Amino acid sequence: MTPHLADLLRCGASVVLDFGGNTIRDRQWVRSIVDGAGAAHVLHYIDADETLCLARIHERNVGQPEGIFFGVVTDAQVAEVNRHFVAPSPEERFNLVVHRTRVL
């Protein structure tokens, strides 16, 4: 996918990656594409604590069918993903837009 994304960026197309850039390694991959293509970029970071994440997941799960291949996400799955999370830092050189959230 890397060469295809870089080609799209070099052609001037906008590319949106909706991925779990939860780790420095994940974001380094994106950074390598942006740098290789010489493209402008923005990284949107949603600053939300685990309580809010779980509340949003619970809302999302309402009405979803059960089962491994369906849309229900468990608290255990959220905890597993979140234990690997590292917030973006200035050293990663992204044009960062931070969206601060709070429980309503």
Foldseek 3Di string as FASTA:
>chain_A
DLVVLLVCQLVVHDDDDPDCCFALVSLVSVVCSCVVSVGADEDEAEDDDLVVVVVVLVVVQVPWDDDDPTDRDDSVNSVVSNVRGDDDDVVSVHNYDYHYDDDD
